[in-house]
Amino acid sequence: MLNKKIKFIVIIFSLFISGCSIEQFFKPLDSQLTTTKLLAKDPTDPKFNQYLAEKGYTEAQLPFTQWGIDELTLCALYFHTSLDVAKQQIVLSYLAIETAGFKNNASIDGTFARSSLENGDISPWSYGLSINIPIETTKKRAAQIEKAEKNTEIAYMNAAETAWQLRNKIATDYIAYHQHLAEVQLLNEEIALQDYMVSMLEKRVNIGIASKTELTNANLLALKAKYILSIKEGQLNLIKAQLAADVGLSREKFALINIKPLSIENTLTQQTLLLDTPLESKILQEQALLNRIDIRRSMARYAAAEAEIKLKVAQQTPDIVLSPGYLFEFGDRIWSLGFTSLLNMLHKNKTLLEEAKQLREIEGAQFENLQAEVIAMISQAHTRYLAAKKVTEQAKVELSQQVEQEQKMQIQFDAGLIGKLDLSRYSNSTIIARQQLIASQFALLEIANQIEDVMQKPLYSEFTMPTLTSRRQNDDE
């Protein structure tokens, strides 16, 4: 009899200590392995081309021969580590949905005792077993699941916002890259012309028909242009490094990419069609209010607050636990049926419910405030655009006048009325006017990029930001 009871105790105890070994859950970080993985990311990777094919690109389009903002964005969505973090958050949110749907498991209570038989017990042994069966009285799990699902929507919005931030950073650096390319080209033209003017002045000084002061000033202008060029070239290299980081590649792997040229005139023409028309501007504002990720996320947060209220209402009614059991107590055999519940039927905790309602009101107020901020941002950005457009138009007028003046000087030079040095001075002024126009045009592009960021939607591109899959197995990949 004693052996049977000991076996009974061992079986019950083993139920609590059985399970998987804890060691299998350990996963230490390997910094060397992580570094190798980061440096191995390659835009020529066949898996990346497979990813692009899944996004609708044909074999004829792959691999990319030139990389613009859209192509660089796809590269970032595949390689950048910040999006990996967002995807893991999505996986966690799906696990939260599963957890919210779990039913409360039944539990087992066991007792074991031995008596000294001094009270005349039939048997010295007492042992019993009871099962606790929880019964849900209201739809608490349904409310928990609904809240977890809304939080999953929020996780998707966070991932989408991360993806958009990557694209906006790429667009910003892409514009800056081409601006510096254009500025470097014009500076090289300016330096070549100034070096030519310096050499001519040196010859004139040597024969006594020009002053050394004039030569010194020309040398200073040439040195200044060369200094600015060295700064611009350094900044250009830095921007290329930033673009590499934007798309999640090392500088060595990014060097394999051929960046697409930017046709600034065509881009500004498309921009004018969108931003100079009042109707189109109104449509852009409406699209921003509908498309912005933070607005959609705010709506999801409001829905999550609604689900929290449902949960608090459901929790006002306590669950019940039934506890059937059997007890062998010192020779007597006893069965029992008990139940357990919280005594809050008459004294419901209304404070928690009011707190949930207040959180919902806060989310609603934040949603309205966010919409007002978006309207203000669109209006301010559009005002800056109109002001920058006037500056660009004025720069075009000044360049046109300067080109016309240079052409007149060319006619005089051809007629032998002025020398090559005088004509070169007008040519240098034309280069400066072109530099001013380029600066104003790229400023216009930057403001349009800011408007695009407010809208969180490409302005003049058919590119659509890919949506993350809702299947957890793909999120795990």
Protein backbone atom coordinates (compact mmCIF):
# COMPACT_ATOMS: atom_id res chain seq x y z
CA MET A 1 0.00 0.00 0.00
CA LEU A 2 2.81 2.36 0.87
CA ASN A 3 4.53 1.79 -2.47
CA LYS A 4 1.34 2.62 -4.35
CA LYS A 5 0.96 5.87 -2.50
CA ILE A 6 4.58 6.81 -3.10
CA LYS A 7 4.10 6.08 -6.81
CA PHE A 8 1.03 8.32 -6.75
CA ILE A 9 3.06 11.16 -5.26
CA VAL A 10 5.86 10.69 -7.79
CA ILE A 11 3.40 10.79 -10.72
CA ILE A 12 1.75 13.98 -9.49
CA PHE A 13 5.11 15.63 -8.83
CA SER A 14 6.44 14.65 -12.23
CA LEU A 15 3.57 16.48 -13.92
CA PHE A 16 4.95 19.73 -12.55
CA ILE A 17 8.59 19.20 -13.40
CA SER A 18 8.13 17.57 -16.80
CA GLY A 19 8.69 19.61 -19.95
CA CYS A 20 11.36 20.67 -22.41
CA SER A 21 14.87 21.44 -21.33
CA ILE A 22 15.45 25.17 -20.84
CA GLU A 23 18.73 25.06 -22.70
CA GLN A 24 16.99 24.81 -26.07
CA PHE A 25 15.59 28.35 -25.64
CA PHE A 26 19.06 29.91 -25.30
CA LYS A 27 20.27 31.81 -28.36
CA PRO A 28 23.38 33.88 -27.57
CA LEU A 29 24.35 36.67 -29.98
CA ASP A 30 27.36 36.08 -32.20
CA SER A 31 28.76 39.49 -33.16
CA GLN A 32 31.15 38.01 -35.71
CA LEU A 33 28.33 36.11 -37.43
CA THR A 34 26.15 39.24 -37.46
CA THR A 35 28.95 41.34 -38.96
CA THR A 36 29.56 38.75 -41.68
CA LYS A 37 25.83 38.67 -42.46
CA LEU A 38 25.63 42.47 -42.76
CA LEU A 39 28.66 42.73 -45.03
CA ALA A 40 27.41 39.90 -47.24
CA LYS A 41 24.26 41.77 -48.34
CA ASP A 42 24.57 42.11 -52.09
CA PRO A 43 22.26 43.79 -54.66
CA THR A 44 23.25 41.08 -57.16
CA ASP A 45 21.99 38.34 -54.85
CA PRO A 46 19.62 35.98 -56.78
CA LYS A 47 17.30 35.96 -53.76
CA PHE A 48 16.91 39.71 -54.10
CA ASN A 49 15.98 39.31 -57.77
CA GLN A 50 13.48 36.64 -56.73
CA TYR A 51 12.00 39.13 -54.25
CA LEU A 52 11.69 41.71 -57.04
CA ALA A 53 10.03 39.13 -59.29
CA GLU A 54 7.46 38.51 -56.55
CA LYS A 55 6.78 42.27 -56.57
CA GLY A 56 5.86 42.14 -60.27
CA TYR A 57 9.14 42.80 -62.08
CA THR A 58 9.77 40.77 -65.24
CA GLU A 59 12.95 38.97 -66.24
CA ALA A 60 13.56 41.66 -68.87
CA GLN A 61 13.62 44.32 -66.14
CA LEU A 62 16.06 42.42 -63.93
CA PRO A 63 18.65 43.01 -62.80
CA PHE A 64 18.31 46.79 -62.65
CA THR A 65 20.75 48.62 -64.91
CA GLN A 66 20.02 51.99 -63.28
CA TRP A 67 18.82 52.66 -59.77
CA GLY A 68 16.46 55.53 -59.04
CA ILE A 69 14.48 56.26 -55.89
CA ASP A 70 12.01 53.42 -56.53
CA GLU A 71 14.72 50.80 -57.11
CA LEU A 72 16.74 51.97 -54.11
CA THR A 73 13.58 51.81 -51.98
CA LEU A 74 13.02 48.16 -52.91
CA CYS A 75 16.65 47.47 -52.01
CA ALA A 76 16.13 49.06 -48.59
CA LEU A 77 12.92 47.12 -47.99
CA TYR A 78 14.83 43.90 -48.60
CA PHE A 79 18.16 44.60 -46.91
CA HIS A 80 17.73 47.30 -44.24
CA THR A 81 17.88 46.03 -40.67
CA SER A 82 15.40 48.56 -39.24
CA LEU A 83 12.61 46.86 -41.17
CA ASP A 84 13.68 43.52 -39.71
CA VAL A 85 12.98 44.95 -36.26
CA ALA A 86 9.50 46.08 -37.36
CA LYS A 87 8.77 42.64 -38.83
CA GLN A 88 9.73 40.94 -35.58
CA GLN A 89 7.31 43.26 -33.77
CA ILE A 90 4.58 42.03 -36.13
CA VAL A 91 5.42 38.42 -35.29
CA LEU A 92 5.17 39.30 -31.60
CA SER A 93 1.76 40.89 -32.14
CA TYR A 94 0.48 37.70 -33.77
CA LEU A 95 1.69 35.71 -30.78
CA ALA A 96 -0.24 38.15 -28.58
CA ILE A 97 -3.41 37.31 -30.55
CA GLU A 98 -2.85 33.61 -29.89
CA THR A 99 -2.18 34.29 -26.23
CA ALA A 100 -5.35 36.38 -25.93
CA GLY A 101 -7.34 33.46 -27.36
CA PHE A 102 -6.10 30.93 -24.84
CA LYS A 103 -8.72 29.51 -22.54
CA ASN A 104 -7.89 29.32 -18.86
CA ASN A 105 -6.59 25.82 -18.35
CA ALA A 106 -8.03 23.48 -15.79
CA SER A 107 -5.72 22.83 -12.85
CA ILE A 108 -5.20 19.92 -10.50
CA ASP A 109 -4.86 20.11 -6.72
CA GLY A 110 -3.45 17.15 -4.83
CA THR A 111 -3.02 16.46 -1.12
CA PHE A 112 -1.15 13.78 0.81
CA ALA A 113 -0.88 13.23 4.58
CA ARG A 114 -0.18 10.56 7.19
CA SER A 115 -1.80 10.21 10.63
CA SER A 116 -0.43 8.67 13.84
CA LEU A 117 -3.76 6.76 14.30
CA GLU A 118 -4.10 8.18 17.85
CA ASN A 119 -7.70 9.26 17.07
CA GLY A 120 -8.74 5.79 15.96
CA ASP A 121 -8.57 6.44 12.23
CA ILE A 122 -9.24 3.48 9.98
CA SER A 123 -6.15 4.24 7.89
CA PRO A 124 -3.10 6.40 8.58
CA TRP A 125 -3.15 7.79 5.04
CA SER A 126 -4.97 10.73 3.55
CA TYR A 127 -4.74 11.69 -0.10
CA GLY A 128 -7.01 13.48 -2.49
CA LEU A 129 -7.32 14.95 -5.94
CA SER A 130 -9.48 17.80 -7.25
CA ILE A 131 -9.81 19.49 -10.65
CA ASN A 132 -10.41 23.24 -11.01
CA ILE A 133 -12.44 24.00 -14.14
CA PRO A 134 -12.69 27.73 -15.00
CA ILE A 135 -15.90 28.91 -16.68
CA GLU A 136 -15.93 32.23 -18.56
CA THR A 137 -19.12 34.11 -17.75
CA THR A 138 -18.73 36.93 -20.34
CA LYS A 139 -16.88 37.43 -23.63
CA LYS A 140 -13.59 38.43 -22.09
CA ARG A 141 -11.48 36.41 -24.50
CA ALA A 142 -13.29 37.92 -27.50
CA ALA A 143 -12.48 41.42 -26.24
CA GLN A 144 -8.87 40.44 -25.56
CA ILE A 145 -8.53 39.00 -29.06
CA GLU A 146 -10.06 42.12 -30.62
CA LYS A 147 -7.64 44.34 -28.73
CA ALA A 148 -4.68 42.16 -29.76
CA GLU A 149 -5.80 42.29 -33.39
CA LYS A 150 -5.94 46.08 -33.31
CA ASN A 151 -2.47 46.11 -31.79
CA THR A 152 -1.36 43.95 -34.72
CA GLU A 153 -2.72 46.61 -37.08
CA ILE A 154 -0.68 49.16 -35.15
CA ALA A 155 2.43 46.97 -35.54
CA TYR A 156 1.83 46.88 -39.29
CA MET A 157 1.46 50.66 -39.32
CA ASN A 158 4.76 50.99 -37.44
CA ALA A 159 6.45 48.77 -40.03
CA ALA A 160 4.89 50.77 -42.87
CA GLU A 161 6.08 54.01 -41.28
CA THR A 162 9.60 52.60 -40.99
CA ALA A 163 9.47 51.65 -44.68
CA TRP A 164 8.28 55.12 -45.65
CA GLN A 165 10.98 56.80 -43.56
CA LEU A 166 13.55 54.73 -45.43
CA ARG A 167 12.13 55.89 -48.77
CA ASN A 168 12.03 59.53 -47.70
CA LYS A 169 15.63 59.38 -46.51
CA ILE A 170 16.63 57.79 -49.82
CA ALA A 171 14.78 60.51 -51.76
CA THR A 172 16.43 63.25 -49.70
CA ASP A 173 19.93 61.87 -50.22
CA TYR A 174 19.23 61.05 -53.89
CA ILE A 175 18.31 64.70 -54.54
CA ALA A 176 21.35 65.90 -52.58
CA TYR A 177 23.58 63.51 -54.54
CA HIS A 178 22.47 64.88 -57.90
CA GLN A 179 22.65 68.46 -56.66
CA HIS A 180 26.27 67.97 -55.64
CA LEU A 181 27.02 66.28 -58.98
CA ALA A 182 25.63 69.30 -60.83
CA GLU A 183 27.49 71.74 -58.57
CA VAL A 184 30.77 69.85 -59.00
CA GLN A 185 30.36 69.93 -62.77
CA LEU A 186 29.73 73.70 -62.81
CA LEU A 187 32.62 74.30 -60.40
CA ASN A 188 34.95 72.39 -62.71
CA GLU A 189 33.79 74.58 -65.59
CA GLU A 190 34.31 77.69 -63.48
CA ILE A 191 37.79 76.61 -62.37
CA ALA A 192 38.86 75.78 -65.92
CA LEU A 193 37.70 79.20 -67.10
CA GLN A 194 39.34 81.01 -64.17
CA ASP A 195 42.63 79.17 -64.70
CA TYR A 196 42.51 80.28 -68.31
CA MET A 197 41.86 83.87 -67.22
CA VAL A 198 44.75 83.70 -64.73
CA SER A 199 47.13 82.46 -67.43
CA MET A 200 46.05 85.29 -69.73
CA LEU A 201 46.55 87.86 -66.96
CA GLU A 202 50.00 86.43 -66.20
CA LYS A 203 50.98 87.03 -69.81
CA ARG A 204 49.58 90.56 -69.66
CA VAL A 205 51.42 91.31 -66.41
CA ASN A 206 54.66 90.04 -67.92
CA ILE A 207 54.35 92.46 -70.84
CA GLY A 208 53.13 95.29 -68.61
CA ILE A 209 49.55 95.73 -69.84
CA ALA A 210 47.84 94.41 -66.66
CA SER A 211 48.36 95.06 -62.97
CA LYS A 212 49.51 92.51 -60.43
CA THR A 213 46.49 93.42 -58.29
CA GLU A 214 44.17 92.24 -61.04
CA LEU A 215 46.17 88.99 -61.29
CA THR A 216 46.07 88.49 -57.52
CA ASN A 217 42.28 88.93 -57.43
CA ALA A 218 41.88 86.42 -60.26
CA ASN A 219 44.10 83.94 -58.41
CA LEU A 220 42.06 84.36 -55.23
CA LEU A 221 38.81 83.67 -57.11
CA ALA A 222 40.34 80.54 -58.66
CA LEU A 223 41.61 79.34 -55.27
CA LYS A 224 38.20 79.97 -53.70
CA ALA A 225 36.46 77.94 -56.40
CA LYS A 226 38.96 75.08 -55.94
CA TYR A 227 38.41 75.14 -52.17
CA ILE A 228 34.62 74.98 -52.64
CA LEU A 229 35.11 72.14 -55.14
CA SER A 230 37.12 70.09 -52.64
CA ILE A 231 34.36 70.56 -50.05
CA LYS A 232 31.65 69.57 -52.54
CA GLU A 233 33.58 66.46 -53.61
CA GLY A 234 33.99 65.43 -49.97
CA GLN A 235 30.27 65.98 -49.36
CA LEU A 236 29.47 63.97 -52.48
CA ASN A 237 31.40 60.99 -51.12
CA LEU A 238 29.64 61.36 -47.79
CA ILE A 239 26.22 61.41 -49.50
CA LYS A 240 27.11 58.22 -51.39
CA ALA A 241 28.01 56.61 -48.06
CA GLN A 242 24.68 57.82 -46.64
CA LEU A 243 22.80 56.33 -49.60
CA ALA A 244 24.58 53.02 -49.00
CA ALA A 245 23.43 53.10 -45.38
CA ASP A 246 19.91 54.10 -46.47
CA VAL A 247 19.51 50.93 -48.52
CA GLY A 248 21.25 48.66 -45.99
CA LEU A 249 24.40 47.91 -48.01
CA SER A 250 28.10 48.32 -47.35
CA ARG A 251 29.92 50.98 -49.38
CA GLU A 252 31.71 48.25 -51.33
CA LYS A 253 28.46 46.56 -52.34
CA PHE A 254 26.76 49.88 -53.04
CA ALA A 255 29.56 50.70 -55.49
CA LEU A 256 28.07 47.97 -57.72
CA ILE A 257 24.97 50.13 -58.20
CA ASN A 258 24.66 52.52 -61.13
CA ILE A 259 22.62 55.47 -59.85
CA LYS A 260 20.01 56.70 -62.34
CA PRO A 261 20.55 60.26 -63.69
CA LEU A 262 18.02 62.85 -62.58
CA SER A 263 16.26 64.88 -65.28
CA ILE A 264 15.56 67.96 -63.20
CA GLU A 265 13.62 69.79 -65.92
CA ASN A 266 11.22 66.88 -66.51
CA THR A 267 10.78 66.37 -62.78
CA LEU A 268 10.00 70.05 -62.20
CA THR A 269 7.50 69.97 -65.08
CA GLN A 270 5.61 67.07 -63.47
CA GLN A 271 5.83 68.85 -60.14
CA THR A 272 4.30 72.01 -61.61
CA LEU A 273 1.32 70.10 -62.97
CA LEU A 274 0.60 68.74 -59.49
CA LEU A 275 1.37 71.66 -57.21
CA ASP A 276 0.43 74.71 -59.27
CA THR A 277 -3.18 73.66 -59.87
CA PRO A 278 -5.53 74.59 -56.98
CA LEU A 279 -7.74 71.54 -57.58
CA GLU A 280 -4.75 69.22 -57.56
CA SER A 281 -3.43 70.84 -54.38
CA LYS A 282 -6.77 70.24 -52.68
CA ILE A 283 -6.70 66.61 -53.82
CA LEU A 284 -3.19 66.24 -52.37
CA GLN A 285 -4.42 67.54 -49.03
CA GLU A 286 -7.31 65.06 -49.03
CA GLN A 287 -4.95 62.23 -49.95
CA ALA A 288 -2.66 63.17 -47.09
CA LEU A 289 -5.54 62.99 -44.61
CA LEU A 290 -6.52 59.57 -45.93
CA ASN A 291 -3.11 58.09 -46.66
CA ARG A 292 -0.84 59.15 -43.81
CA ILE A 293 0.27 56.19 -41.75
CA ASP A 294 0.12 57.99 -38.43
CA ILE A 295 -3.53 58.90 -39.09
CA ARG A 296 -4.43 55.30 -39.88
CA ARG A 297 -2.45 54.16 -36.85
CA SER A 298 -4.33 56.66 -34.68
CA MET A 299 -7.59 55.14 -35.90
CA ALA A 300 -6.29 51.68 -34.98
CA ARG A 301 -5.27 52.94 -31.53
CA TYR A 302 -8.77 54.34 -31.06
CA ALA A 303 -10.24 50.95 -32.02
CA ALA A 304 -7.88 49.26 -29.56
CA ALA A 305 -9.12 51.63 -26.84
CA GLU A 306 -12.69 50.63 -27.75
CA ALA A 307 -11.74 46.97 -27.34
CA GLU A 308 -10.22 47.78 -23.96
CA ILE A 309 -13.55 49.25 -22.84
CA LYS A 310 -15.32 46.05 -23.91
CA LEU A 311 -12.80 44.08 -21.88
CA LYS A 312 -13.29 46.21 -18.78
CA VAL A 313 -17.07 45.87 -19.09
CA ALA A 314 -16.74 42.09 -19.41
CA GLN A 315 -14.44 41.98 -16.40
CA GLN A 316 -17.18 43.51 -14.24
CA THR A 317 -18.75 40.04 -14.19
CA PRO A 318 -16.38 37.55 -12.50
CA ASP A 319 -15.62 34.11 -13.84
CA ILE A 320 -16.57 30.97 -11.95
CA VAL A 321 -14.30 28.02 -11.13
CA LEU A 322 -15.89 24.60 -10.54
CA SER A 323 -13.83 22.25 -8.38
CA PRO A 324 -15.00 18.60 -8.36
CA GLY A 325 -12.77 16.36 -6.23
CA TYR A 326 -12.28 13.07 -4.44
CA LEU A 327 -10.65 12.62 -1.04
CA PHE A 328 -9.56 9.46 0.77
CA GLU A 329 -9.19 10.72 4.33
CA PHE A 330 -7.88 8.24 6.90
CA GLY A 331 -10.18 5.51 5.63
CA ASP A 332 -13.19 7.66 4.61
CA ARG A 333 -14.00 8.26 0.93
CA ILE A 334 -15.36 11.78 0.21
CA TRP A 335 -16.39 13.47 -3.01
CA SER A 336 -17.00 17.17 -3.30
CA LEU A 337 -18.12 19.84 -5.78
CA GLY A 338 -17.10 23.42 -5.01
CA PHE A 339 -17.09 26.71 -6.87
CA THR A 340 -15.11 29.92 -6.58
CA SER A 341 -15.80 33.45 -7.73
CA LEU A 342 -14.86 37.01 -6.84
CA LEU A 343 -17.34 38.88 -4.67
CA ASN A 344 -17.64 41.96 -6.87
CA MET A 345 -21.12 41.39 -8.26
CA LEU A 346 -22.55 44.19 -6.14
CA HIS A 347 -19.43 46.36 -5.95
CA LYS A 348 -18.22 46.61 -9.54
CA ASN A 349 -14.91 48.40 -10.11
CA LYS A 350 -16.19 51.30 -12.21
CA THR A 351 -12.91 53.19 -11.96
CA LEU A 352 -11.14 50.84 -14.37
CA LEU A 353 -13.99 51.25 -16.85
CA GLU A 354 -13.88 55.04 -16.57
CA GLU A 355 -10.12 54.94 -17.04
CA ALA A 356 -10.55 52.93 -20.26
CA LYS A 357 -13.18 55.40 -21.49
CA GLN A 358 -10.84 58.30 -20.78
CA LEU A 359 -8.04 56.61 -22.74
CA ARG A 360 -10.45 56.35 -25.67
CA GLU A 361 -11.25 60.05 -25.39
CA ILE A 362 -7.54 60.85 -25.41
CA GLU A 363 -7.04 58.79 -28.58
CA GLY A 364 -9.98 60.59 -30.21
CA ALA A 365 -8.56 64.00 -29.31
CA GLN A 366 -5.12 63.00 -30.58
CA PHE A 367 -6.68 61.88 -33.87
CA GLU A 368 -8.34 65.26 -34.41
CA ASN A 369 -5.16 67.10 -33.43
CA LEU A 370 -3.13 64.97 -35.85
CA GLN A 371 -5.47 65.80 -38.72
CA ALA A 372 -5.18 69.50 -37.93
CA GLU A 373 -1.37 69.24 -37.87
CA VAL A 374 -1.33 67.48 -41.25
CA ILE A 375 -3.52 70.19 -42.81
CA ALA A 376 -1.19 72.85 -41.41
CA MET A 377 1.95 71.01 -42.65
CA ILE A 378 0.53 70.69 -46.17
CA SER A 379 -0.41 74.38 -46.21
CA GLN A 380 3.00 75.52 -44.93
CA ALA A 381 4.90 73.27 -47.34
CA HIS A 382 2.84 74.50 -50.28
CA THR A 383 3.50 78.12 -49.26
CA ARG A 384 7.25 77.40 -49.18
CA TYR A 385 6.94 75.77 -52.59
CA LEU A 386 5.30 78.84 -54.13
CA ALA A 387 7.97 81.11 -52.65
CA ALA A 388 10.78 78.84 -53.91
CA LYS A 389 9.14 78.72 -57.34
CA LYS A 390 9.33 82.52 -57.59
CA VAL A 391 13.03 82.39 -56.72
CA THR A 392 13.56 79.77 -59.45
CA GLU A 393 11.66 81.83 -62.01
CA GLN A 394 13.76 84.88 -61.14
CA ALA A 395 16.95 82.82 -61.44
CA LYS A 396 15.81 81.70 -64.91
CA VAL A 397 15.24 85.31 -65.94
CA GLU A 398 18.69 86.34 -64.68
CA LEU A 399 20.35 83.42 -66.48
CA SER A 400 18.50 84.27 -69.69
CA GLN A 401 19.65 87.88 -69.47
CA GLN A 402 23.22 86.81 -68.76
CA VAL A 403 23.26 84.38 -71.71
CA GLU A 404 21.90 87.13 -73.96
CA GLN A 405 24.61 89.49 -72.75
CA GLU A 406 27.30 86.86 -73.33
CA GLN A 407 26.03 86.32 -76.87
CA LYS A 408 26.31 90.05 -77.55
CA MET A 409 29.88 90.00 -76.23
CA GLN A 410 30.63 87.03 -78.46
CA ILE A 411 29.49 89.10 -81.48
CA GLN A 412 31.78 91.92 -80.38
CA PHE A 413 34.64 89.45 -79.87
CA ASP A 414 34.09 88.01 -83.34
CA ALA A 415 34.19 91.54 -84.68
CA GLY A 416 37.48 92.18 -82.87
CA LEU A 417 36.03 94.84 -80.57
CA ILE A 418 36.88 93.08 -77.28
CA GLY A 419 39.52 90.59 -76.21
CA LYS A 420 39.28 86.97 -75.06
CA LEU A 421 39.74 87.99 -71.43
CA ASP A 422 36.70 90.29 -71.49
CA LEU A 423 34.59 87.59 -73.11
CA SER A 424 35.77 85.09 -70.49
CA ARG A 425 34.55 87.38 -67.72
CA TYR A 426 31.04 87.31 -69.20
CA SER A 427 31.27 83.53 -69.58
CA ASN A 428 32.20 83.28 -65.91
CA SER A 429 29.16 85.37 -64.96
CA THR A 430 27.00 82.98 -66.98
CA ILE A 431 28.39 80.03 -65.01
CA ILE A 432 27.57 81.81 -61.75
CA ALA A 433 24.01 82.44 -62.98
CA ARG A 434 23.71 78.73 -63.86
CA GLN A 435 24.90 77.84 -60.35
CA GLN A 436 22.20 80.06 -58.84
CA LEU A 437 19.53 78.48 -61.02
CA ILE A 438 20.66 74.95 -60.12
CA ALA A 439 20.58 75.81 -56.41
CA SER A 440 17.04 77.23 -56.68
CA GLN A 441 15.81 74.24 -58.72
CA PHE A 442 17.10 71.71 -56.23
CA ALA A 443 15.62 73.77 -53.40
CA LEU A 444 12.31 73.38 -55.23
CA LEU A 445 12.82 69.62 -55.43
CA GLU A 446 13.61 69.44 -51.72
CA ILE A 447 10.37 71.25 -50.84
CA ALA A 448 8.41 68.91 -53.11
CA ASN A 449 10.07 66.02 -51.29
CA GLN A 450 8.88 67.53 -48.00
CA ILE A 451 5.32 67.69 -49.38
CA GLU A 452 5.67 64.07 -50.45
CA ASP A 453 6.78 63.19 -46.92
CA VAL A 454 3.76 64.96 -45.44
CA MET A 455 1.52 62.97 -47.78
CA GLN A 456 3.57 59.79 -47.27
CA LYS A 457 2.92 58.97 -50.90
CA PRO A 458 5.09 59.46 -54.02
CA LEU A 459 4.08 62.64 -55.84
CA TYR A 460 4.98 61.95 -59.45
CA SER A 461 5.80 58.26 -59.44
CA GLU A 462 3.57 55.27 -60.10
CA PHE A 463 5.54 53.38 -57.47
CA THR A 464 3.42 51.84 -54.72
CA MET A 465 5.00 50.96 -51.40
CA PRO A 466 4.81 47.15 -51.04
CA THR A 467 2.57 45.94 -48.23
CA LEU A 468 3.95 43.52 -45.71
CA THR A 469 2.42 40.07 -45.77
CA SER A 470 0.03 39.17 -42.98
CA ARG A 471 1.20 35.56 -42.93
CA ARG A 472 3.36 34.86 -39.96
CA GLN A 473 5.49 32.28 -41.70
CA ASN A 474 6.60 34.91 -44.20
CA ASP A 475 7.29 37.38 -41.42
CA ASP A 476 9.58 34.83 -39.83
CA GLU A 477 11.61 34.44 -43.02
